[in-house]
């Protein structure tokens, strides 16, 4: 009686390896894009939060009559320094938005922690207000992105 062999032939094993290689070649580029999309989604969420908190701080400052050159506003047990009713510094904006734990400021640019110089376009900018001292013109605080206020995309990050 002939003994039955068990196992796979060399051809079958090679075919499985080839199929796995093709799947990996298709899937790996998608995984790289997922990381960039996650960074863009994170910064877009922070951008929305910063814009909302800027509007809330401005509204509270107006309601309390704190729209002069400089003032201080208590917001959820945090003290926010104001100029013209807007957060006076980038860090004041981060505190007002509740983003200080996950985002950092470098100059006027706001980055997600850990991505400071790795992704220079994956950021948004807060232009701090200028007080009208010495007869100058007062300006408001403004938030912009590299895409002129458009949401950031995976290509940016």
N, C-alpha and C. Protein backbone atom coordinates (compact mmCIF):
# COMPACT_ATOMS: atom_id res chain seq x y z
N UNK A 1 0.84 -1.16 0.00
CA UNK A 1 0.00 0.00 0.00
C UNK A 1 0.90 1.23 0.00
N UNK A 2 0.50 2.24 -0.78
CA UNK A 2 1.28 3.46 -0.91
C UNK A 2 1.00 4.39 0.27
N UNK A 3 2.08 4.94 0.85
CA UNK A 3 1.93 5.84 1.99
C UNK A 3 1.54 7.24 1.50
N UNK A 4 0.51 7.84 2.14
CA UNK A 4 0.02 9.16 1.76
C UNK A 4 0.91 10.23 2.39
N UNK A 5 1.40 11.17 1.57
CA UNK A 5 2.21 12.27 2.10
C UNK A 5 1.30 13.43 2.48
N UNK A 6 1.70 14.14 3.51
CA UNK A 6 0.93 15.33 3.89
C UNK A 6 1.85 16.55 3.82
N UNK A 7 1.22 17.73 3.62
CA UNK A 7 1.99 18.96 3.53
C UNK A 7 1.71 19.67 2.22
N UNK A 8 2.44 20.75 1.98
CA UNK A 8 2.25 21.55 0.78
C UNK A 8 3.42 21.34 -0.16
N UNK A 9 3.14 21.48 -1.43
CA UNK A 9 4.22 21.38 -2.41
C UNK A 9 4.95 22.71 -2.47
N UNK A 10 6.12 22.69 -3.05
CA UNK A 10 6.92 23.90 -3.19
C UNK A 10 6.18 24.94 -4.02
N UNK A 11 5.50 24.52 -5.06
CA UNK A 11 4.74 25.45 -5.92
C UNK A 11 3.64 26.14 -5.12
N UNK A 12 2.93 25.40 -4.30
CA UNK A 12 1.86 25.99 -3.49
C UNK A 12 2.42 27.04 -2.52
N UNK A 13 3.55 26.75 -1.89
CA UNK A 13 4.16 27.70 -0.97
C UNK A 13 4.62 28.96 -1.69
N UNK A 14 5.21 28.81 -2.86
CA UNK A 14 5.66 29.97 -3.65
C UNK A 14 4.47 30.83 -4.05
N UNK A 15 3.36 30.21 -4.44
CA UNK A 15 2.16 30.96 -4.83
C UNK A 15 1.61 31.77 -3.65
N UNK A 16 1.61 31.19 -2.47
CA UNK A 16 1.14 31.91 -1.28
C UNK A 16 2.04 33.11 -1.00
N UNK A 17 3.34 32.95 -1.10
CA UNK A 17 4.28 34.04 -0.87
C UNK A 17 4.09 35.15 -1.90
N UNK A 18 3.88 34.78 -3.17
CA UNK A 18 3.65 35.77 -4.22
C UNK A 18 2.37 36.55 -3.94
N UNK A 19 1.31 35.86 -3.55
CA UNK A 19 0.03 36.53 -3.26
C UNK A 19 0.19 37.48 -2.07
N UNK A 20 0.87 37.05 -1.03
CA UNK A 20 1.11 37.92 0.13
C UNK A 20 1.95 39.14 -0.26
N UNK A 21 2.91 38.95 -1.13
CA UNK A 21 3.73 40.07 -1.60
C UNK A 21 2.91 41.08 -2.37
N UNK A 22 1.99 40.62 -3.21
CA UNK A 22 1.13 41.53 -3.97
C UNK A 22 0.21 42.29 -3.02
N UNK A 23 -0.37 41.61 -2.05
CA UNK A 23 -1.24 42.27 -1.08
C UNK A 23 -0.47 43.32 -0.28
N UNK A 24 0.74 43.00 0.12
CA UNK A 24 1.55 43.96 0.88
C UNK A 24 1.89 45.18 0.02
N UNK A 25 2.19 44.96 -1.25
CA UNK A 25 2.52 46.08 -2.14
C UNK A 25 1.33 47.01 -2.33
N UNK A 26 0.13 46.47 -2.28
CA UNK A 26 -1.08 47.29 -2.44
C UNK A 26 -1.43 47.97 -1.11
N UNK A 27 -1.26 47.30 0.00
CA UNK A 27 -1.72 47.82 1.31
C UNK A 27 -0.77 48.83 1.93
N UNK A 28 0.54 48.67 1.79
CA UNK A 28 1.49 49.54 2.47
C UNK A 28 1.37 51.01 2.07
N UNK A 29 1.22 51.37 0.80
CA UNK A 29 1.04 52.78 0.48
C UNK A 29 -0.21 53.38 1.14
N UNK A 30 -1.25 52.57 1.28
CA UNK A 30 -2.47 53.07 1.94
C UNK A 30 -2.22 53.35 3.42
N UNK A 31 -1.40 52.56 4.08
CA UNK A 31 -1.13 52.77 5.49
C UNK A 31 -0.36 54.07 5.72
N UNK A 32 0.55 54.42 4.81
CA UNK A 32 1.27 55.69 4.92
C UNK A 32 0.33 56.86 4.80
N UNK A 33 -0.65 56.77 3.93
CA UNK A 33 -1.61 57.85 3.75
C UNK A 33 -2.55 57.96 4.94
N UNK A 34 -2.82 56.86 5.62
CA UNK A 34 -3.70 56.90 6.79
C UNK A 34 -3.05 57.72 7.91
N UNK A 35 -1.75 57.60 8.09
CA UNK A 35 -1.06 58.37 9.12
C UNK A 35 -1.15 59.87 8.81
N UNK A 36 -0.95 60.25 7.56
CA UNK A 36 -1.05 61.66 7.17
C UNK A 36 -2.47 62.17 7.34
N UNK A 37 -3.45 61.34 7.01
CA UNK A 37 -4.85 61.74 7.18
C UNK A 37 -5.17 61.92 8.66
N UNK A 38 -4.60 61.10 9.52
CA UNK A 38 -4.83 61.23 10.97
C UNK A 38 -4.22 62.53 11.49
N UNK A 39 -3.00 62.87 11.02
CA UNK A 39 -2.38 64.13 11.44
C UNK A 39 -3.23 65.31 10.98
N UNK A 40 -3.72 65.26 9.73
CA UNK A 40 -4.55 66.35 9.21
C UNK A 40 -5.85 66.46 9.99
N UNK A 41 -6.47 65.33 10.31
CA UNK A 41 -7.73 65.36 11.07
C UNK A 41 -7.50 65.95 12.45
N UNK A 42 -6.39 65.60 13.07
CA UNK A 42 -6.08 66.11 14.41
C UNK A 42 -5.89 67.62 14.39
N UNK A 43 -5.13 68.12 13.43
CA UNK A 43 -4.87 69.57 13.38
C UNK A 43 -6.14 70.31 12.97
N UNK A 44 -6.99 69.70 12.11
CA UNK A 44 -8.25 70.34 11.73
C UNK A 44 -9.20 70.41 12.93
N UNK A 45 -9.20 69.39 13.77
CA UNK A 45 -10.01 69.43 14.99
C UNK A 45 -9.54 70.54 15.92
N UNK A 46 -8.22 70.66 16.07
CA UNK A 46 -7.67 71.73 16.91
C UNK A 46 -7.96 73.10 16.30
N UNK A 47 -7.91 73.18 14.99
CA UNK A 47 -8.21 74.44 14.30
C UNK A 47 -9.64 74.88 14.59
N UNK A 48 -10.58 73.94 14.51
CA UNK A 48 -11.98 74.25 14.81
C UNK A 48 -12.16 74.66 16.26
N UNK A 49 -11.48 73.97 17.15
CA UNK A 49 -11.55 74.31 18.58
C UNK A 49 -10.97 75.70 18.84
N UNK A 50 -9.85 76.01 18.20
CA UNK A 50 -9.22 77.33 18.40
C UNK A 50 -10.11 78.44 17.85
N UNK A 51 -10.72 78.22 16.69
CA UNK A 51 -11.62 79.25 16.13
C UNK A 51 -12.84 79.45 17.01
N UNK A 52 -13.40 78.37 17.53
CA UNK A 52 -14.55 78.48 18.42
C UNK A 52 -14.18 79.20 19.71
N UNK A 53 -13.05 78.84 20.29
CA UNK A 53 -12.65 79.49 21.55
C UNK A 53 -12.32 80.95 21.32
N UNK A 54 -11.78 81.29 20.15
CA UNK A 54 -11.51 82.70 19.84
C UNK A 54 -12.82 83.48 19.81
N UNK A 55 -13.85 82.91 19.20
CA UNK A 55 -15.16 83.57 19.16
C UNK A 55 -15.78 83.67 20.56
N UNK A 56 -15.64 82.61 21.36
CA UNK A 56 -16.20 82.62 22.72
C UNK A 56 -15.49 83.66 23.58
N UNK A 57 -14.17 83.70 23.51
CA UNK A 57 -13.41 84.67 24.31
C UNK A 57 -13.79 86.08 23.89
N UNK A 58 -13.88 86.31 22.61
CA UNK A 58 -14.25 87.65 22.12
C UNK A 58 -15.65 88.04 22.60
N UNK A 59 -16.59 87.10 22.53
CA UNK A 59 -17.96 87.38 22.97
C UNK A 59 -18.01 87.66 24.47
N UNK A 60 -17.32 86.86 25.27
CA UNK A 60 -17.28 87.09 26.72
C UNK A 60 -16.61 88.42 27.05
N UNK A 61 -15.53 88.72 26.35
CA UNK A 61 -14.83 89.99 26.60
C UNK A 61 -15.74 91.17 26.26
N UNK A 62 -16.47 91.06 25.16
CA UNK A 62 -17.39 92.14 24.79
C UNK A 62 -18.51 92.27 25.81
N UNK A 63 -19.06 91.14 26.25
CA UNK A 63 -20.16 91.17 27.22
C UNK A 63 -19.71 91.76 28.56
N UNK A 64 -18.45 91.55 28.92
CA UNK A 64 -17.94 92.05 30.20
C UNK A 64 -17.24 93.40 30.07
N UNK A 65 -17.23 93.96 28.85
CA UNK A 65 -16.59 95.26 28.64
C UNK A 65 -15.07 95.21 28.71
N UNK A 66 -14.48 94.09 28.32
CA UNK A 66 -13.02 93.91 28.38
C UNK A 66 -12.37 94.02 27.00
N UNK A 67 -12.81 95.00 26.22
CA UNK A 67 -12.30 95.11 24.85
C UNK A 67 -11.25 96.20 24.70
N UNK A 68 -10.73 96.71 25.82
CA UNK A 68 -9.69 97.73 25.76
C UNK A 68 -8.35 97.14 25.36
N UNK A 69 -7.32 97.97 25.47
CA UNK A 69 -5.99 97.53 25.03
C UNK A 69 -5.56 96.25 25.72
N UNK A 70 -5.68 96.17 27.05
CA UNK A 70 -5.30 94.96 27.76
C UNK A 70 -6.33 94.66 28.85
N UNK A 71 -6.52 93.40 29.13
CA UNK A 71 -7.45 92.96 30.18
C UNK A 71 -7.15 91.50 30.49
N UNK A 72 -7.83 90.99 31.51
CA UNK A 72 -7.73 89.58 31.88
C UNK A 72 -9.12 89.01 31.98
N UNK A 73 -9.28 87.77 31.55
CA UNK A 73 -10.59 87.10 31.56
C UNK A 73 -10.44 85.75 32.23
N UNK A 74 -11.33 85.43 33.15
CA UNK A 74 -11.36 84.10 33.77
C UNK A 74 -12.24 83.20 32.90
N UNK A 75 -11.68 82.11 32.44
CA UNK A 75 -12.42 81.17 31.60
C UNK A 75 -12.14 79.77 32.12
N UNK A 76 -13.15 79.15 32.73
CA UNK A 76 -13.02 77.81 33.30
C UNK A 76 -11.80 77.70 34.21
N UNK A 77 -11.71 78.59 35.18
CA UNK A 77 -10.63 78.63 36.17
C UNK A 77 -9.25 78.88 35.57
N UNK A 78 -9.21 79.35 34.35
CA UNK A 78 -7.94 79.71 33.71
C UNK A 78 -7.96 81.21 33.43
N UNK A 79 -6.84 81.86 33.64
CA UNK A 79 -6.74 83.29 33.38
C UNK A 79 -6.19 83.50 31.97
N UNK A 80 -6.95 84.22 31.16
CA UNK A 80 -6.56 84.50 29.77
C UNK A 80 -6.26 85.99 29.67
N UNK A 81 -5.04 86.33 29.26
CA UNK A 81 -4.69 87.73 29.02
C UNK A 81 -5.28 88.14 27.68
N UNK A 82 -5.82 89.35 27.62
CA UNK A 82 -6.48 89.83 26.42
C UNK A 82 -5.85 91.11 25.89
N UNK A 83 -5.90 91.26 24.58
CA UNK A 83 -5.61 92.53 23.91
C UNK A 83 -6.77 92.76 22.96
N UNK A 84 -7.45 93.89 23.11
CA UNK A 84 -8.62 94.22 22.28
C UNK A 84 -9.71 93.16 22.36
N UNK A 85 -9.77 92.42 23.46
CA UNK A 85 -10.80 91.40 23.63
C UNK A 85 -10.45 90.05 23.01
N UNK A 86 -9.22 89.88 22.53
CA UNK A 86 -8.75 88.62 21.95
C UNK A 86 -7.61 88.07 22.81
N UNK A 87 -7.38 86.75 22.79
CA UNK A 87 -6.24 86.21 23.54
C UNK A 87 -4.94 86.92 23.14
N UNK A 88 -4.16 87.31 24.14
CA UNK A 88 -2.98 88.14 23.90
C UNK A 88 -1.81 87.37 23.28
N UNK A 89 -1.72 86.08 23.55
CA UNK A 89 -0.60 85.28 23.03
C UNK A 89 -1.13 83.97 22.45
N UNK A 90 -0.27 83.28 21.75
CA UNK A 90 -0.63 81.97 21.21
C UNK A 90 -0.93 81.01 22.36
N UNK A 91 -0.15 81.08 23.42
CA UNK A 91 -0.38 80.20 24.58
C UNK A 91 -1.71 80.50 25.26
N UNK A 92 -2.11 81.78 25.30
CA UNK A 92 -3.43 82.12 25.85
C UNK A 92 -4.54 81.49 25.01
N UNK A 93 -4.36 81.48 23.69
CA UNK A 93 -5.35 80.84 22.81
C UNK A 93 -5.41 79.33 23.08
N UNK A 94 -4.25 78.70 23.22
CA UNK A 94 -4.22 77.26 23.51
C UNK A 94 -4.92 76.94 24.83
N UNK A 95 -4.70 77.75 25.83
CA UNK A 95 -5.34 77.54 27.13
C UNK A 95 -6.86 77.74 26.99
N UNK A 96 -7.27 78.79 26.29
CA UNK A 96 -8.70 79.06 26.11
C UNK A 96 -9.39 77.91 25.37
N UNK A 97 -8.69 77.30 24.42
CA UNK A 97 -9.25 76.20 23.64
C UNK A 97 -9.10 74.85 24.32
N UNK A 98 -8.33 74.79 25.41
CA UNK A 98 -8.10 73.53 26.10
C UNK A 98 -7.15 72.62 25.33
N UNK A 99 -6.26 73.21 24.55
CA UNK A 99 -5.35 72.44 23.70
C UNK A 99 -3.91 72.40 24.22
N UNK A 100 -3.66 73.03 25.36
CA UNK A 100 -2.27 73.18 25.82
C UNK A 100 -1.58 71.86 26.12
N UNK A 101 -2.32 70.80 26.39
CA UNK A 101 -1.69 69.51 26.69
C UNK A 101 -1.23 68.78 25.43
N UNK A 102 -1.90 69.02 24.30
CA UNK A 102 -1.62 68.25 23.09
C UNK A 102 -0.96 69.05 21.98
N UNK A 103 -0.95 70.37 22.11
CA UNK A 103 -0.41 71.22 21.05
C UNK A 103 0.57 72.21 21.65
N UNK A 104 1.55 72.61 20.85
CA UNK A 104 2.57 73.55 21.30
C UNK A 104 2.67 74.69 20.29
N UNK A 105 3.18 75.81 20.78
CA UNK A 105 3.38 76.97 19.91
C UNK A 105 4.86 77.15 19.65
N UNK A 106 5.16 77.47 18.41
CA UNK A 106 6.51 77.85 18.03
C UNK A 106 6.36 79.14 17.25
N UNK A 107 6.63 80.25 17.91
CA UNK A 107 6.32 81.54 17.30
C UNK A 107 4.80 81.66 17.21
N UNK A 108 4.30 81.98 16.04
CA UNK A 108 2.84 82.10 15.84
C UNK A 108 2.24 80.77 15.40
N UNK A 109 3.06 79.79 15.06
CA UNK A 109 2.57 78.51 14.57
C UNK A 109 2.20 77.57 15.71
N UNK A 110 1.14 76.80 15.48
CA UNK A 110 0.67 75.83 16.47
C UNK A 110 0.77 74.45 15.85
N UNK A 111 1.53 73.56 16.52
CA UNK A 111 1.78 72.20 16.06
C UNK A 111 1.23 71.21 17.06
N UNK A 112 0.99 69.99 16.59
CA UNK A 112 0.68 68.92 17.52
C UNK A 112 1.98 68.47 18.17
N UNK A 113 1.95 68.19 19.47
CA UNK A 113 3.18 67.75 20.16
C UNK A 113 3.78 66.55 19.43
N UNK A 114 5.09 66.59 19.25
CA UNK A 114 5.79 65.51 18.58
C UNK A 114 5.93 65.73 17.08
N UNK A 115 5.22 66.69 16.52
CA UNK A 115 5.30 66.95 15.08
C UNK A 115 5.89 68.33 14.77
N UNK A 116 6.63 68.91 15.72
CA UNK A 116 7.07 70.29 15.59
C UNK A 116 7.73 70.61 14.25
N UNK A 117 8.84 69.98 13.94
CA UNK A 117 9.53 70.31 12.70
C UNK A 117 9.40 69.22 11.66
N UNK A 118 8.83 68.08 12.02
CA UNK A 118 8.70 66.97 11.09
C UNK A 118 7.71 67.28 9.96
N UNK A 119 6.66 68.03 10.27
CA UNK A 119 5.61 68.33 9.31
C UNK A 119 5.31 69.83 9.34
N UNK A 120 6.16 70.64 8.71
CA UNK A 120 6.03 72.10 8.84
C UNK A 120 4.74 72.67 8.27
N UNK A 121 4.08 71.99 7.35
CA UNK A 121 2.83 72.50 6.78
C UNK A 121 1.61 72.03 7.54
N UNK A 122 1.80 71.12 8.49
CA UNK A 122 0.69 70.56 9.27
C UNK A 122 0.53 71.40 10.53
N UNK A 123 0.10 72.64 10.34
CA UNK A 123 0.05 73.61 11.42
C UNK A 123 -1.00 74.67 11.11
N UNK A 124 -1.34 75.44 12.11
CA UNK A 124 -2.11 76.66 11.86
C UNK A 124 -1.47 77.79 12.64
N UNK A 125 -1.82 79.01 12.28
CA UNK A 125 -1.15 80.19 12.81
C UNK A 125 -2.15 81.10 13.50
N UNK A 126 -1.75 81.61 14.67
CA UNK A 126 -2.55 82.63 15.35
C UNK A 126 -1.80 83.94 15.29
N UNK A 127 -2.38 84.92 14.63
CA UNK A 127 -1.80 86.25 14.58
C UNK A 127 -2.33 87.01 15.77
N UNK A 128 -1.44 87.35 16.70
CA UNK A 128 -1.87 87.99 17.93
C UNK A 128 -2.34 89.42 17.64
N UNK A 129 -3.30 89.90 18.44
CA UNK A 129 -3.80 91.26 18.23
C UNK A 129 -2.76 92.29 18.66
N UNK A 130 -2.93 93.50 18.14
CA UNK A 130 -2.04 94.61 18.49
C UNK A 130 -2.89 95.69 19.14
N UNK A 131 -2.45 96.16 20.30
CA UNK A 131 -3.17 97.23 21.00
C UNK A 131 -2.94 98.57 20.31
N UNK A 132 -3.90 99.45 20.47
CA UNK A 132 -3.81 100.77 19.86
C UNK A 132 -3.09 101.74 20.79
N UNK A 133 -1.85 101.45 21.13
CA UNK A 133 -1.10 102.33 22.01
C UNK A 133 -0.34 103.36 21.19
N UNK A 134 -0.18 104.54 21.73
CA UNK A 134 0.60 105.58 21.05
C UNK A 134 -0.03 106.04 19.76
N UNK A 135 -1.35 105.98 19.64
CA UNK A 135 -2.02 106.47 18.43
C UNK A 135 -2.01 105.47 17.28
N UNK A 136 -1.52 104.23 17.52
CA UNK A 136 -1.51 103.21 16.46
C UNK A 136 -2.90 102.63 16.24
N UNK A 137 -2.99 101.77 15.26
CA UNK A 137 -4.27 101.13 14.94
C UNK A 137 -4.34 99.78 15.63
N UNK A 138 -5.45 99.52 16.31
CA UNK A 138 -5.66 98.23 16.97
C UNK A 138 -6.01 97.18 15.93
N UNK A 139 -5.54 95.94 16.16
CA UNK A 139 -5.90 94.84 15.27
C UNK A 139 -6.51 93.71 16.08
N UNK A 140 -7.23 92.86 15.39
CA UNK A 140 -7.87 91.70 16.02
C UNK A 140 -6.97 90.49 15.87
N UNK A 141 -7.21 89.48 16.70
CA UNK A 141 -6.51 88.20 16.55
C UNK A 141 -7.10 87.45 15.37
N UNK A 142 -6.29 86.67 14.68
CA UNK A 142 -6.77 85.93 13.51
C UNK A 142 -6.10 84.56 13.44
N UNK A 143 -6.85 83.56 12.96
CA UNK A 143 -6.33 82.20 12.81
C UNK A 143 -6.33 81.85 11.33
N UNK A 144 -5.19 81.37 10.82
CA UNK A 144 -5.08 80.98 9.42
C UNK A 144 -4.31 79.67 9.31
N UNK A 145 -4.42 79.03 8.14
CA UNK A 145 -3.64 77.84 7.84
C UNK A 145 -2.80 78.11 6.60
N UNK A 146 -1.98 77.15 6.24
CA UNK A 146 -1.17 77.27 5.03
C UNK A 146 -2.05 77.34 3.79
N UNK A 147 -3.29 76.83 3.89
CA UNK A 147 -4.22 76.80 2.76
C UNK A 147 -5.21 77.95 2.80
N UNK A 148 -4.86 79.06 3.40
CA UNK A 148 -5.76 80.21 3.48
C UNK A 148 -7.10 79.86 4.12
N UNK A 149 -7.05 79.34 5.30
CA UNK A 149 -8.23 78.99 6.10
C UNK A 149 -8.95 77.72 5.67
N UNK A 150 -8.54 77.10 4.58
CA UNK A 150 -9.16 75.83 4.19
C UNK A 150 -8.69 74.74 5.13
N UNK A 151 -9.47 73.68 5.32
CA UNK A 151 -8.98 72.58 6.16
C UNK A 151 -7.71 71.97 5.56
N UNK A 152 -6.84 71.51 6.42
CA UNK A 152 -5.61 70.85 5.96
C UNK A 152 -5.95 69.47 5.43
N UNK A 153 -5.16 69.00 4.48
CA UNK A 153 -5.37 67.67 3.90
C UNK A 153 -4.17 66.80 4.21
N UNK A 154 -4.25 65.54 3.84
CA UNK A 154 -3.14 64.60 4.05
C UNK A 154 -1.90 65.07 3.28
N UNK A 155 -2.09 65.75 2.16
CA UNK A 155 -0.94 66.26 1.40
C UNK A 155 -0.15 67.30 2.19
N UNK A 156 -0.84 68.05 3.05
CA UNK A 156 -0.17 69.05 3.89
C UNK A 156 0.61 68.42 5.03
N UNK A 157 0.14 67.24 5.45
CA UNK A 157 0.73 66.61 6.63
C UNK A 157 1.51 65.37 6.27
